[in-house]
N, C-alpha and C. Protein backbone atom coordinates (compact mmCIF):
# COMPACT_ATOMS: atom_id res chain seq x y z
N MET A 1 71.16 140.47 68.32
CA MET A 1 72.25 139.81 69.01
C MET A 1 71.99 139.86 70.52
N ALA A 2 71.28 138.92 70.99
CA ALA A 2 70.89 138.89 72.40
C ALA A 2 71.92 138.14 73.22
N ASN A 3 72.16 138.63 74.42
CA ASN A 3 73.04 137.95 75.37
C ASN A 3 72.18 137.08 76.27
N SER A 4 71.99 135.85 75.90
CA SER A 4 71.18 134.94 76.71
C SER A 4 72.09 133.96 77.42
N PRO A 5 72.36 134.21 78.71
CA PRO A 5 73.31 133.35 79.43
C PRO A 5 72.70 132.05 79.92
N THR A 6 71.52 131.69 79.46
CA THR A 6 70.84 130.52 79.99
C THR A 6 71.61 129.22 79.78
N ASN A 7 72.36 129.11 78.70
CA ASN A 7 73.08 127.85 78.45
C ASN A 7 74.57 127.96 78.79
N PHE A 8 74.98 129.01 79.48
CA PHE A 8 76.36 129.18 79.89
C PHE A 8 76.53 128.62 81.30
N ILE A 9 77.72 128.17 81.62
CA ILE A 9 78.02 127.66 82.95
C ILE A 9 78.94 128.65 83.64
N LYS A 10 78.50 129.19 84.75
CA LYS A 10 79.29 130.15 85.52
C LYS A 10 80.45 129.42 86.19
N SER A 11 81.62 130.05 86.18
CA SER A 11 82.79 129.40 86.78
C SER A 11 82.71 129.43 88.30
N ASP A 12 83.41 128.52 88.91
CA ASP A 12 83.51 128.46 90.35
C ASP A 12 84.45 129.57 90.80
N PRO A 13 84.00 130.47 91.70
CA PRO A 13 84.87 131.57 92.12
C PRO A 13 86.17 131.10 92.76
N ASP A 14 86.18 129.89 93.29
CA ASP A 14 87.39 129.37 93.92
C ASP A 14 88.42 128.90 92.89
N CYS A 15 88.03 128.83 91.62
CA CYS A 15 88.98 128.34 90.62
C CYS A 15 89.96 129.44 90.19
N ILE A 16 89.65 130.71 90.44
CA ILE A 16 90.58 131.81 90.18
C ILE A 16 91.38 132.05 91.46
N ILE A 17 92.70 131.94 91.36
CA ILE A 17 93.57 132.04 92.52
C ILE A 17 94.35 133.35 92.44
N ASP A 18 94.32 134.14 93.50
CA ASP A 18 94.97 135.45 93.50
C ASP A 18 96.45 135.33 93.90
N ILE A 19 97.22 134.67 93.04
CA ILE A 19 98.66 134.53 93.22
C ILE A 19 99.33 134.69 91.87
N GLN A 20 100.64 134.86 91.89
CA GLN A 20 101.40 134.85 90.64
C GLN A 20 101.42 133.44 90.09
N THR A 21 101.63 133.33 88.80
CA THR A 21 101.70 132.01 88.17
C THR A 21 102.88 131.23 88.76
N PRO A 22 102.62 130.05 89.29
CA PRO A 22 103.72 129.25 89.85
C PRO A 22 104.75 128.90 88.77
N ARG A 23 105.98 128.86 89.18
CA ARG A 23 107.06 128.53 88.26
C ARG A 23 106.84 127.15 87.63
N TYR A 24 107.11 127.03 86.35
CA TYR A 24 107.01 125.80 85.56
C TYR A 24 105.57 125.32 85.35
N SER A 25 104.59 126.15 85.63
CA SER A 25 103.21 125.74 85.36
C SER A 25 102.82 126.22 83.96
N PHE A 26 101.80 125.60 83.39
CA PHE A 26 101.31 126.01 82.08
C PHE A 26 100.69 127.39 82.16
N LEU A 27 100.77 128.14 81.07
CA LEU A 27 100.15 129.45 80.98
C LEU A 27 98.65 129.28 81.25
N SER A 28 98.13 130.02 82.21
CA SER A 28 96.74 129.84 82.61
C SER A 28 96.17 131.14 83.15
N ALA A 29 94.93 131.42 82.78
CA ALA A 29 94.22 132.58 83.32
C ALA A 29 93.64 132.26 84.70
N GLN A 30 93.95 131.10 85.22
CA GLN A 30 93.50 130.71 86.55
C GLN A 30 94.17 131.56 87.64
N TYR A 31 95.36 132.06 87.34
CA TYR A 31 96.12 132.84 88.31
C TYR A 31 95.88 134.33 88.07
N LYS A 32 95.23 134.98 89.03
CA LYS A 32 94.74 136.35 88.87
C LYS A 32 95.86 137.36 88.61
N GLN A 33 97.05 137.12 89.06
CA GLN A 33 98.15 138.07 88.86
C GLN A 33 98.94 137.78 87.58
N SER A 34 98.47 136.83 86.80
CA SER A 34 99.21 136.45 85.59
C SER A 34 98.84 137.33 84.40
N PHE A 35 99.74 137.37 83.45
CA PHE A 35 99.48 138.08 82.19
C PHE A 35 98.30 137.45 81.46
N ALA A 36 98.18 136.13 81.55
CA ALA A 36 97.08 135.42 80.88
C ALA A 36 95.73 135.87 81.44
N TYR A 37 95.63 136.02 82.75
CA TYR A 37 94.37 136.46 83.37
C TYR A 37 94.00 137.86 82.88
N LYS A 38 94.96 138.76 82.91
CA LYS A 38 94.71 140.14 82.48
C LYS A 38 94.33 140.19 81.00
N THR A 39 94.96 139.33 80.22
CA THR A 39 94.63 139.28 78.79
C THR A 39 93.20 138.78 78.58
N MET A 40 92.85 137.69 79.24
CA MET A 40 91.50 137.12 79.07
C MET A 40 90.43 138.03 79.66
N ARG A 41 90.73 138.71 80.72
CA ARG A 41 89.73 139.52 81.43
C ARG A 41 89.57 140.91 80.82
N ASN A 42 90.67 141.53 80.34
CA ASN A 42 90.62 142.91 79.88
C ASN A 42 90.91 143.10 78.39
N ARG A 43 91.99 142.53 77.92
CA ARG A 43 92.41 142.79 76.55
C ARG A 43 91.54 142.07 75.52
N LEU A 44 91.29 140.80 75.73
CA LEU A 44 90.54 140.02 74.74
C LEU A 44 89.12 140.54 74.52
N PRO A 45 88.36 140.91 75.57
CA PRO A 45 87.03 141.48 75.32
C PRO A 45 87.08 142.75 74.46
N ALA A 46 88.10 143.59 74.68
CA ALA A 46 88.22 144.81 73.87
C ALA A 46 88.53 144.47 72.41
N ILE A 47 89.38 143.48 72.20
CA ILE A 47 89.70 143.03 70.84
C ILE A 47 88.45 142.47 70.16
N LEU A 48 87.69 141.66 70.90
CA LEU A 48 86.46 141.08 70.34
C LEU A 48 85.44 142.17 70.00
N GLU A 49 85.35 143.19 70.84
CA GLU A 49 84.44 144.31 70.58
C GLU A 49 84.83 145.02 69.28
N ASN A 50 86.12 145.22 69.05
CA ASN A 50 86.59 145.84 67.80
C ASN A 50 86.24 144.97 66.59
N ILE A 51 86.37 143.67 66.73
CA ILE A 51 86.03 142.75 65.63
C ILE A 51 84.54 142.85 65.31
N ILE A 52 83.70 142.84 66.35
CA ILE A 52 82.25 142.96 66.15
C ILE A 52 81.92 144.26 65.44
N GLU A 53 82.50 145.36 65.91
CA GLU A 53 82.25 146.66 65.29
C GLU A 53 82.66 146.67 63.82
N ASN A 54 83.83 146.11 63.51
CA ASN A 54 84.29 146.09 62.13
C ASN A 54 83.42 145.21 61.24
N ILE A 55 83.02 144.07 61.75
CA ILE A 55 82.17 143.18 60.96
C ILE A 55 80.84 143.84 60.64
N THR A 56 80.21 144.42 61.66
CA THR A 56 78.89 145.02 61.44
C THR A 56 78.98 146.32 60.65
N LYS A 57 80.06 147.08 60.85
CA LYS A 57 80.24 148.33 60.10
C LYS A 57 80.43 148.05 58.61
N ASP A 58 81.15 146.99 58.29
CA ASP A 58 81.44 146.66 56.90
C ASP A 58 80.45 145.66 56.30
N ALA A 59 79.40 145.34 57.03
CA ALA A 59 78.45 144.31 56.58
C ALA A 59 77.87 144.62 55.21
N GLU A 60 77.41 145.83 55.00
CA GLU A 60 76.77 146.16 53.72
C GLU A 60 77.75 146.05 52.56
N ASN A 61 79.01 146.43 52.76
CA ASN A 61 80.02 146.28 51.70
C ASN A 61 80.29 144.81 51.41
N ILE A 62 80.36 144.01 52.46
CA ILE A 62 80.60 142.57 52.27
C ILE A 62 79.43 141.93 51.54
N ILE A 63 78.21 142.30 51.93
CA ILE A 63 77.01 141.76 51.28
C ILE A 63 76.97 142.18 49.82
N ALA A 64 77.32 143.43 49.53
CA ALA A 64 77.34 143.91 48.14
C ALA A 64 78.35 143.12 47.30
N GLU A 65 79.46 142.76 47.90
CA GLU A 65 80.50 142.04 47.15
C GLU A 65 80.21 140.55 47.02
N PHE A 66 79.68 139.92 48.07
CA PHE A 66 79.53 138.47 48.08
C PHE A 66 78.09 137.98 47.99
N GLY A 67 77.13 138.89 48.01
CA GLY A 67 75.74 138.48 47.84
C GLY A 67 74.94 138.49 49.13
N GLU A 68 73.64 138.56 48.96
CA GLU A 68 72.70 138.65 50.07
C GLU A 68 72.77 137.45 51.01
N GLU A 69 73.16 136.29 50.49
CA GLU A 69 73.22 135.09 51.33
C GLU A 69 74.27 135.20 52.44
N THR A 70 75.19 136.15 52.33
CA THR A 70 76.20 136.32 53.37
C THR A 70 75.68 137.13 54.57
N ARG A 71 74.54 137.80 54.42
CA ARG A 71 74.00 138.63 55.51
C ARG A 71 73.84 137.82 56.80
N LYS A 72 73.17 136.68 56.70
CA LYS A 72 72.93 135.85 57.88
C LYS A 72 74.25 135.39 58.50
N GLU A 73 75.20 135.00 57.66
CA GLU A 73 76.50 134.53 58.15
C GLU A 73 77.25 135.64 58.90
N ILE A 74 77.20 136.85 58.37
CA ILE A 74 77.89 137.98 59.00
C ILE A 74 77.35 138.20 60.41
N TYR A 75 76.04 138.26 60.52
CA TYR A 75 75.44 138.53 61.82
C TYR A 75 75.51 137.31 62.76
N ASP A 76 75.59 136.12 62.20
CA ASP A 76 75.79 134.93 63.02
C ASP A 76 77.18 134.95 63.62
N VAL A 77 78.18 135.30 62.84
CA VAL A 77 79.56 135.40 63.33
C VAL A 77 79.65 136.48 64.40
N ALA A 78 79.05 137.64 64.14
CA ALA A 78 79.08 138.73 65.12
C ALA A 78 78.40 138.30 66.42
N ASP A 79 77.29 137.56 66.32
CA ASP A 79 76.58 137.09 67.51
C ASP A 79 77.41 136.09 68.31
N ARG A 80 78.11 135.20 67.62
CA ARG A 80 78.96 134.22 68.32
C ARG A 80 80.12 134.91 69.03
N ILE A 81 80.69 135.91 68.39
CA ILE A 81 81.79 136.65 69.01
C ILE A 81 81.26 137.42 70.22
N LEU A 82 80.06 137.99 70.11
CA LEU A 82 79.44 138.70 71.23
C LEU A 82 79.20 137.77 72.42
N LYS A 83 78.76 136.54 72.14
CA LYS A 83 78.55 135.56 73.21
C LYS A 83 79.87 135.20 73.89
N LEU A 84 80.93 135.04 73.10
CA LEU A 84 82.24 134.75 73.66
C LEU A 84 82.71 135.91 74.54
N LYS A 85 82.53 137.13 74.07
CA LYS A 85 82.89 138.32 74.84
C LYS A 85 82.12 138.36 76.16
N PHE A 86 80.83 138.06 76.11
CA PHE A 86 80.00 138.03 77.31
C PHE A 86 80.55 137.02 78.32
N LYS A 87 80.92 135.84 77.84
CA LYS A 87 81.47 134.80 78.71
C LYS A 87 82.77 135.26 79.37
N LEU A 88 83.64 135.89 78.60
CA LEU A 88 84.91 136.37 79.14
C LEU A 88 84.70 137.43 80.21
N GLU A 89 83.80 138.34 79.96
CA GLU A 89 83.57 139.45 80.89
C GLU A 89 82.84 139.02 82.15
N ASN A 90 82.19 137.89 82.13
CA ASN A 90 81.36 137.46 83.25
C ASN A 90 81.83 136.15 83.88
N ASP A 91 83.08 135.79 83.65
CA ASP A 91 83.71 134.62 84.30
C ASP A 91 82.99 133.30 84.06
N TYR A 92 82.59 133.06 82.85
CA TYR A 92 81.98 131.77 82.52
C TYR A 92 83.07 130.77 82.12
N VAL A 93 82.77 129.50 82.28
CA VAL A 93 83.71 128.44 81.95
C VAL A 93 83.88 128.37 80.43
N MET A 94 85.12 128.29 79.99
CA MET A 94 85.42 128.15 78.57
C MET A 94 85.61 126.68 78.24
N LYS A 95 85.21 126.29 77.04
CA LYS A 95 85.42 124.92 76.60
C LYS A 95 86.90 124.73 76.26
N THR A 96 87.43 123.59 76.63
CA THR A 96 88.80 123.25 76.30
C THR A 96 88.84 122.68 74.89
N PHE A 97 89.84 123.10 74.13
CA PHE A 97 90.01 122.52 72.80
C PHE A 97 91.50 122.37 72.52
N LYS A 98 91.81 121.41 71.67
CA LYS A 98 93.20 121.09 71.38
C LYS A 98 93.68 121.72 70.07
N GLY A 99 92.79 122.38 69.33
CA GLY A 99 93.19 123.02 68.09
C GLY A 99 93.12 122.13 66.87
N GLU A 100 92.50 120.99 66.99
CA GLU A 100 92.37 120.07 65.87
C GLU A 100 90.89 119.84 65.57
N GLY A 101 90.57 119.62 64.33
CA GLY A 101 89.20 119.28 63.96
C GLY A 101 88.26 120.47 63.95
N ASN A 102 86.98 120.17 64.05
CA ASN A 102 85.93 121.18 64.00
C ASN A 102 85.73 121.78 65.40
N ILE A 103 86.06 123.06 65.55
CA ILE A 103 86.01 123.72 66.85
C ILE A 103 84.80 124.64 66.92
N SER A 104 84.03 124.53 67.97
CA SER A 104 82.91 125.43 68.22
C SER A 104 83.13 126.09 69.58
N LEU A 105 83.32 127.40 69.60
CA LEU A 105 83.60 128.09 70.85
C LEU A 105 82.36 128.49 71.61
N CYS A 106 81.24 128.56 70.95
CA CYS A 106 80.01 129.01 71.63
C CYS A 106 78.89 128.02 71.42
């Protein structure tokens, strides 16, 4: 599970604004003093780390139950989550999605 940032786009430092979220604006991690920023910057990476640990810790049990063909899928999922965690921790631009159709986060 390598962290290769070569295909990631680093965010513009000016896009993060050190103010409280303006009234009536959409929830956004763009505002450094917002709950959304703290969640994306601190809480979400910790949650993703726990998911990675659980997936890899239980990998052998999952493979035993569902077959050897799931091994690659397990580690592919863990790798994608690790890449997402890397992006969050290093201020990379996230893809916008509307929640419909086939979504690829990494």
